[in-house]
C-alpha atoms as a PDB file:
ATOM      1  CA  MET A   1       8.021  -3.003 -14.471  1.00  0.00           C
ATOM      2  CA  CYS A   2       7.442  -1.305 -11.125  1.00  0.00           C
ATOM      3  CA  GLN A   3      10.172  -1.527  -8.478  1.00  0.00           C
ATOM      4  CA  LEU A   4       9.604  -0.699  -4.828  1.00  0.00           C
ATOM      5  CA  TYR A   5      12.420  -0.067  -2.362  1.00  0.00           C
ATOM      6  CA  ILE A   6      11.576  -0.765   1.249  1.00  0.00           C
ATOM      7  CA  ILE A   7      13.564   0.419   4.277  1.00  0.00           C
ATOM      8  CA  ALA A   8      13.051  -1.850   7.248  1.00  0.00           C
ATOM      9  CA  PHE A   9      14.799  -3.643  10.056  1.00  0.00           C
ATOM     10  CA  ASP A  10      14.041  -6.646  12.218  1.00  0.00           C
ATOM     11  CA  GLY A  11      11.251  -5.972  14.705  1.00  0.00           C
ATOM     12  CA  MET A  12      10.164  -2.758  12.984  1.00  0.00           C
ATOM     13  CA  GLU A  13       6.471  -1.897  13.169  1.00  0.00           C
ATOM     14  CA  TRP A  14       4.705  -1.882   9.793  1.00  0.00           C
ATOM     15  CA  ASP A  15       3.587   1.733  10.176  1.00  0.00           C
ATOM     16  CA  ASN A  16       7.256   2.808  10.384  1.00  0.00           C
ATOM     17  CA  ILE A  17       8.388   1.045   7.226  1.00  0.00           C
ATOM     18  CA  GLN A  18       9.157   3.437   4.385  1.00  0.00           C
ATOM     19  CA  ILE A  19       8.534   2.580   0.749  1.00  0.00           C
ATOM     20  CA  PHE A  20      10.074   4.360  -2.262  1.00  0.00           C
ATOM     21  CA  ASP A  21       9.890   3.865  -6.006  1.00  0.00           C
ATOM     22  CA  ASN A  22      13.444   5.117  -6.536  1.00  0.00           C
ATOM     23  CA  ARG A  23      16.568   3.477  -5.123  1.00  0.00           C
ATOM     24  CA  ILE A  24      18.481   6.763  -4.854  1.00  0.00           C
ATOM     25  CA  GLU A  25      15.692   8.254  -2.733  1.00  0.00           C
ATOM     26  CA  ALA A  26      15.659   5.135  -0.564  1.00  0.00           C
ATOM     27  CA  GLU A  27      19.432   5.274  -0.021  1.00  0.00           C
ATOM     28  CA  TYR A  28      19.266   8.984   0.840  1.00  0.00           C
ATOM     29  CA  ALA A  29      16.379   8.477   3.253  1.00  0.00           C
ATOM     30  CA  LEU A  30      18.164   5.582   4.929  1.00  0.00           C
ATOM     31  CA  GLU A  31      21.236   7.716   5.591  1.00  0.00           C
ATOM     32  CA  LYS A  32      19.038  10.550   6.841  1.00  0.00           C
ATOM     33  CA  ILE A  33      17.066   8.464   9.344  1.00  0.00           C
ATOM     34  CA  LYS A  34      19.738   5.931  10.355  1.00  0.00           C
ATOM     35  CA  ASN A  35      21.063   7.800  13.403  1.00  0.00           C
ATOM     36  CA  LYS A  36      17.553   8.517  14.658  1.00  0.00           C
ATOM     37  CA  LEU A  37      16.614   4.857  14.299  1.00  0.00           C
ATOM     38  CA  ILE A  38      19.777   3.728  16.090  1.00  0.00           C
ATOM     39  CA  LYS A  39      19.091   6.138  18.944  1.00  0.00           C
ATOM     40  CA  THR A  40      15.392   5.271  19.195  1.00  0.00           C
ATOM     41  CA  TYR A  41      15.460   1.535  18.623  1.00  0.00           C
ATOM     42  CA  ASN A  42      19.115   0.671  19.394  1.00  0.00           C
ATOM     43  CA  GLN A  43      19.105  -1.199  16.085  1.00  0.00           C
ATOM     44  CA  TYR A  44      22.111  -1.252  13.772  1.00  0.00           C
ATOM     45  CA  ASN A  45      21.144  -3.636  10.983  1.00  0.00           C
ATOM     46  CA  PHE A  46      19.013  -1.998   8.323  1.00  0.00           C
ATOM     47  CA  ARG A  47      18.005  -3.338   4.985  1.00  0.00           C
ATOM     48  CA  ILE A  48      16.699  -2.005   1.716  1.00  0.00           C
ATOM     49  CA  GLU A  49      14.574  -4.626   0.021  1.00  0.00           C
ATOM     50  CA  THR A  50      13.723  -4.337  -3.650  1.00  0.00           C
ATOM     51  CA  PHE A  51      10.537  -5.827  -5.052  1.00  0.00           C
ATOM     52  CA  VAL A  52       9.185  -5.889  -8.567  1.00  0.00           C
ATOM     53  CA  LYS A  53       5.514  -6.419  -9.322  1.00  0.00           C
ATOM     54  CA  ARG A  54       4.828  -9.432 -11.532  1.00  0.00           C
ATOM     55  CA  ASN A  55       1.338 -10.793 -12.170  1.00  0.00           C
ATOM     56  CA  ASP A  56      -0.072  -8.859  -9.191  1.00  0.00           C
ATOM     57  CA  ARG A  57       2.577 -10.340  -6.872  1.00  0.00           C
ATOM     58  CA  PHE A  58       5.609  -8.593  -5.414  1.00  0.00           C
ATOM     59  CA  VAL A  59       8.729 -10.656  -6.053  1.00  0.00           C
ATOM     60  CA  PRO A  60      11.853  -9.824  -4.014  1.00  0.00           C
ATOM     61  CA  ILE A  61      14.937  -8.925  -6.061  1.00  0.00           C
ATOM     62  CA  TYR A  62      17.698  -8.355  -3.518  1.00  0.00           C
ATOM     63  CA  THR A  63      18.433  -7.089  -0.041  1.00  0.00           C
ATOM     64  CA  THR A  64      21.130  -4.616   0.946  1.00  0.00           C
ATOM     65  CA  LEU A  65      22.284  -4.663   4.553  1.00  0.00           C
ATOM     66  CA  LYS A  66      23.578  -1.447   6.098  1.00  0.00           C
ATOM     67  CA  LYS A  67      25.383  -1.018   9.395  1.00  0.00           C
END
């Protein structure tokens, strides 16, 4: 089972969305880029979305909100 962790926020352009295959890496990257994103986009609500691939479809598992 393949899990993807996606860092995104509302209104974010698709080419800025980051995708990881490891939740620890996603959490670390989120902390690393959070201040830059807040300064650049004035956006405080981030989310890490987890998807698992089933029958060639990505099914969402859960969402973690960060402030």
